[in-house]
């Protein structure tokens, strides 16, 4: 049983090392983090209902997951093909496209969920000036 728990702890340690690697090496993750923080703060401000929070959290997780997978694809491609190769370029470009698709979906979801209550809150604020 001790071996089971120590291997679980080790698995978490490796996962956090990967997470920190992405944070240290990928500028786009910082952009995603800043945008996610703004979205979360806006969600708190407008009082999103729990179901909308679930969608926002899942969407943010999707973007970060795509970024993490893209980073791993880039590392493996660089290892397997240190010289420029058309297939290596395709692999990297498709990984980047996955991040782009998830980020665009996140923008649309954010607008759909945050847009109406944010508009209502801002309109109320402006009318009270």
C-alpha atoms as a PDB file:
ATOM      1  CA  UNK A   1       0.000   0.000   0.000  1.00  0.00           C
ATOM      2  CA  UNK A   2       2.888   2.363   0.745  1.00  0.00           C
ATOM      3  CA  UNK A   3       4.225   1.883  -2.804  1.00  0.00           C
ATOM      4  CA  UNK A   4       0.803   2.802  -4.193  1.00  0.00           C
ATOM      5  CA  UNK A   5       0.666   6.108  -2.295  1.00  0.00           C
ATOM      6  CA  UNK A   6       4.271   7.025  -2.999  1.00  0.00           C
ATOM      7  CA  UNK A   7       3.714   6.437  -6.723  1.00  0.00           C
ATOM      8  CA  UNK A   8       0.606   8.686  -6.597  1.00  0.00           C
ATOM      9  CA  UNK A   9       2.611  11.431  -4.900  1.00  0.00           C
ATOM     10  CA  UNK A  10       5.330  11.009  -7.525  1.00  0.00           C
ATOM     11  CA  UNK A  11       2.738  11.296 -10.314  1.00  0.00           C
ATOM     12  CA  UNK A  12       1.485  14.579  -8.882  1.00  0.00           C
ATOM     13  CA  UNK A  13       5.052  15.829  -8.570  1.00  0.00           C
ATOM     14  CA  UNK A  14       5.685  15.122 -12.274  1.00  0.00           C
ATOM     15  CA  UNK A  15       2.408  16.798 -13.243  1.00  0.00           C
ATOM     16  CA  UNK A  16       3.281  19.933 -11.278  1.00  0.00           C
ATOM     17  CA  UNK A  17       6.756  19.968 -12.840  1.00  0.00           C
ATOM     18  CA  UNK A  18       5.081  19.964 -16.265  1.00  0.00           C
ATOM     19  CA  UNK A  19       2.720  22.728 -15.198  1.00  0.00           C
ATOM     20  CA  UNK A  20       5.597  24.886 -13.924  1.00  0.00           C
ATOM     21  CA  UNK A  21       7.568  24.224 -17.114  1.00  0.00           C
ATOM     22  CA  UNK A  22       4.683  25.566 -19.199  1.00  0.00           C
ATOM     23  CA  UNK A  23       4.345  28.617 -16.937  1.00  0.00           C
ATOM     24  CA  UNK A  24       8.070  29.310 -17.202  1.00  0.00           C
ATOM     25  CA  UNK A  25       8.443  28.833 -20.955  1.00  0.00           C
ATOM     26  CA  UNK A  26       5.161  29.725 -22.681  1.00  0.00           C
ATOM     27  CA  UNK A  27       4.260  33.420 -22.895  1.00  0.00           C
ATOM     28  CA  UNK A  28       0.781  32.640 -24.195  1.00  0.00           C
ATOM     29  CA  UNK A  29      -0.062  30.841 -20.956  1.00  0.00           C
ATOM     30  CA  UNK A  30       0.464  34.122 -19.119  1.00  0.00           C
ATOM     31  CA  UNK A  31      -1.887  35.833 -21.564  1.00  0.00           C
ATOM     32  CA  UNK A  32      -4.459  33.058 -21.036  1.00  0.00           C
ATOM     33  CA  UNK A  33      -3.995  33.381 -17.270  1.00  0.00           C
ATOM     34  CA  UNK A  34      -4.530  37.142 -17.301  1.00  0.00           C
ATOM     35  CA  UNK A  35      -7.638  36.839 -19.450  1.00  0.00           C
ATOM     36  CA  UNK A  36      -8.987  34.016 -17.268  1.00  0.00           C
ATOM     37  CA  UNK A  37      -8.438  36.150 -14.164  1.00  0.00           C
ATOM     38  CA  UNK A  38     -10.360  39.045 -15.732  1.00  0.00           C
ATOM     39  CA  UNK A  39     -13.174  36.694 -16.761  1.00  0.00           C
ATOM     40  CA  UNK A  40     -13.368  35.213 -13.254  1.00  0.00           C
ATOM     41  CA  UNK A  41     -13.435  38.668 -11.666  1.00  0.00           C
ATOM     42  CA  UNK A  42     -16.137  39.820 -14.072  1.00  0.00           C
ATOM     43  CA  UNK A  43     -18.095  36.635 -13.332  1.00  0.00           C
ATOM     44  CA  UNK A  44     -17.945  37.417  -9.621  1.00  0.00           C
ATOM     45  CA  UNK A  45     -18.935  41.034 -10.235  1.00  0.00           C
ATOM     46  CA  UNK A  46     -21.987  40.207 -12.347  1.00  0.00           C
ATOM     47  CA  UNK A  47     -22.960  37.254 -10.131  1.00  0.00           C
ATOM     48  CA  UNK A  48     -22.893  34.396 -12.612  1.00  0.00           C
ATOM     49  CA  UNK A  49     -25.095  31.447 -11.673  1.00  0.00           C
ATOM     50  CA  UNK A  50     -23.442  28.085 -10.868  1.00  0.00           C
ATOM     51  CA  UNK A  51     -24.142  26.529 -14.284  1.00  0.00           C
ATOM     52  CA  UNK A  52     -22.443  29.446 -16.049  1.00  0.00           C
ATOM     53  CA  UNK A  53     -19.485  29.096 -13.676  1.00  0.00           C
ATOM     54  CA  UNK A  54     -19.226  25.437 -14.609  1.00  0.00           C
ATOM     55  CA  UNK A  55     -19.072  26.345 -18.299  1.00  0.00           C
ATOM     56  CA  UNK A  56     -16.528  29.130 -17.691  1.00  0.00           C
ATOM     57  CA  UNK A  57     -14.284  26.839 -15.626  1.00  0.00           C
ATOM     58  CA  UNK A  58     -14.532  24.022 -18.164  1.00  0.00           C
ATOM     59  CA  UNK A  59     -13.765  26.440 -20.993  1.00  0.00           C
ATOM     60  CA  UNK A  60     -10.710  27.854 -19.228  1.00  0.00           C
ATOM     61  CA  UNK A  61      -9.531  24.316 -18.507  1.00  0.00           C
ATOM     62  CA  UNK A  62      -9.921  23.469 -22.201  1.00  0.00           C
ATOM     63  CA  UNK A  63      -7.730  26.392 -23.248  1.00  0.00           C
ATOM     64  CA  UNK A  64      -5.032  25.530 -20.709  1.00  0.00           C
ATOM     65  CA  UNK A  65      -5.179  21.854 -21.639  1.00  0.00           C
ATOM     66  CA  UNK A  66      -4.756  22.707 -25.326  1.00  0.00           C
ATOM     67  CA  UNK A  67      -1.779  24.902 -24.463  1.00  0.00           C
ATOM     68  CA  UNK A  68      -0.210  22.157 -22.344  1.00  0.00           C
ATOM     69  CA  UNK A  69      -0.703  19.545 -25.071  1.00  0.00           C
ATOM     70  CA  UNK A  70       0.690  21.929 -27.674  1.00  0.00           C
ATOM     71  CA  UNK A  71       3.785  22.480 -25.535  1.00  0.00           C
ATOM     72  CA  UNK A  72       4.297  18.731 -25.194  1.00  0.00           C
ATOM     73  CA  UNK A  73       3.853  18.248 -28.959  1.00  0.00           C
ATOM     74  CA  UNK A  74       6.457  20.932 -29.635  1.00  0.00           C
ATOM     75  CA  UNK A  75       8.931  19.310 -27.234  1.00  0.00           C
ATOM     76  CA  UNK A  76       8.486  15.841 -28.721  1.00  0.00           C
ATOM     77  CA  UNK A  77       8.710  17.160 -32.285  1.00  0.00           C
ATOM     78  CA  UNK A  78      11.914  19.064 -31.416  1.00  0.00           C
ATOM     79  CA  UNK A  79      13.351  15.895 -29.895  1.00  0.00           C
ATOM     80  CA  UNK A  80      12.388  13.677 -32.839  1.00  0.00           C
ATOM     81  CA  UNK A  81      13.253  16.191 -35.539  1.00  0.00           C
ATOM     82  CA  UNK A  82      15.896  18.694 -34.433  1.00  0.00           C
ATOM     83  CA  UNK A  83      16.315  19.793 -38.060  1.00  0.00           C
ATOM     84  CA  UNK A  84      13.552  21.541 -39.965  1.00  0.00           C
ATOM     85  CA  UNK A  85      11.187  19.097 -41.601  1.00  0.00           C
ATOM     86  CA  UNK A  86       7.812  19.720 -43.299  1.00  0.00           C
ATOM     87  CA  UNK A  87       6.063  17.101 -41.148  1.00  0.00           C
ATOM     88  CA  UNK A  88       7.514  18.589 -37.968  1.00  0.00           C
ATOM     89  CA  UNK A  89       6.128  21.961 -39.049  1.00  0.00           C
ATOM     90  CA  UNK A  90       2.706  20.426 -39.658  1.00  0.00           C
ATOM     91  CA  UNK A  91       2.733  18.820 -36.217  1.00  0.00           C
ATOM     92  CA  UNK A  92       3.604  22.102 -34.527  1.00  0.00           C
ATOM     93  CA  UNK A  93       1.165  24.126 -36.622  1.00  0.00           C
ATOM     94  CA  UNK A  94      -1.726  21.762 -35.916  1.00  0.00           C
ATOM     95  CA  UNK A  95      -0.958  21.871 -32.194  1.00  0.00           C
ATOM     96  CA  UNK A  96      -1.002  25.672 -32.331  1.00  0.00           C
ATOM     97  CA  UNK A  97      -4.280  25.546 -34.268  1.00  0.00           C
ATOM     98  CA  UNK A  98      -5.811  23.465 -31.464  1.00  0.00           C
ATOM     99  CA  UNK A  99      -4.933  26.222 -29.005  1.00  0.00           C
ATOM    100  CA  UNK A 100      -6.388  28.822 -31.352  1.00  0.00           C
ATOM    101  CA  UNK A 101      -9.660  26.898 -31.728  1.00  0.00           C
ATOM    102  CA  UNK A 102     -10.018  26.514 -27.966  1.00  0.00           C
ATOM    103  CA  UNK A 103      -9.196  30.195 -27.368  1.00  0.00           C
ATOM    104  CA  UNK A 104     -11.726  31.351 -29.972  1.00  0.00           C
ATOM    105  CA  UNK A 105     -14.368  29.076 -28.457  1.00  0.00           C
ATOM    106  CA  UNK A 106     -13.547  30.542 -25.039  1.00  0.00           C
ATOM    107  CA  UNK A 107     -14.040  34.068 -26.372  1.00  0.00           C
ATOM    108  CA  UNK A 108     -17.455  33.216 -27.792  1.00  0.00           C
ATOM    109  CA  UNK A 109     -18.515  31.377 -24.644  1.00  0.00           C
ATOM    110  CA  UNK A 110     -17.314  34.288 -22.512  1.00  0.00           C
ATOM    111  CA  UNK A 111     -19.283  36.755 -24.617  1.00  0.00           C
ATOM    112  CA  UNK A 112     -22.407  34.599 -24.478  1.00  0.00           C
ATOM    113  CA  UNK A 113     -22.261  34.085 -20.719  1.00  0.00           C
ATOM    114  CA  UNK A 114     -20.790  37.378 -19.550  1.00  0.00           C
ATOM    115  CA  UNK A 115     -22.076  39.727 -22.241  1.00  0.00           C
ATOM    116  CA  UNK A 116     -25.728  40.119 -21.183  1.00  0.00           C
ATOM    117  CA  UNK A 117     -25.190  40.470 -17.419  1.00  0.00           C
ATOM    118  CA  UNK A 118     -22.172  42.706 -17.969  1.00  0.00           C
ATOM    119  CA  UNK A 119     -24.142  44.930 -20.344  1.00  0.00           C
ATOM    120  CA  UNK A 120     -26.986  45.112 -17.820  1.00  0.00           C
ATOM    121  CA  UNK A 121     -24.625  45.981 -14.957  1.00  0.00           C
ATOM    122  CA  UNK A 122     -22.789  48.628 -16.978  1.00  0.00           C
ATOM    123  CA  UNK A 123     -26.039  50.149 -18.224  1.00  0.00           C
ATOM    124  CA  UNK A 124     -27.300  50.391 -14.644  1.00  0.00           C
ATOM    125  CA  UNK A 125     -24.037  51.993 -13.520  1.00  0.00           C
ATOM    126  CA  UNK A 126     -24.097  54.554 -16.326  1.00  0.00           C
ATOM    127  CA  UNK A 127     -27.756  55.409 -15.754  1.00  0.00           C
ATOM    128  CA  UNK A 128     -27.034  56.088 -12.072  1.00  0.00           C
ATOM    129  CA  UNK A 129     -24.298  58.624 -12.853  1.00  0.00           C
END
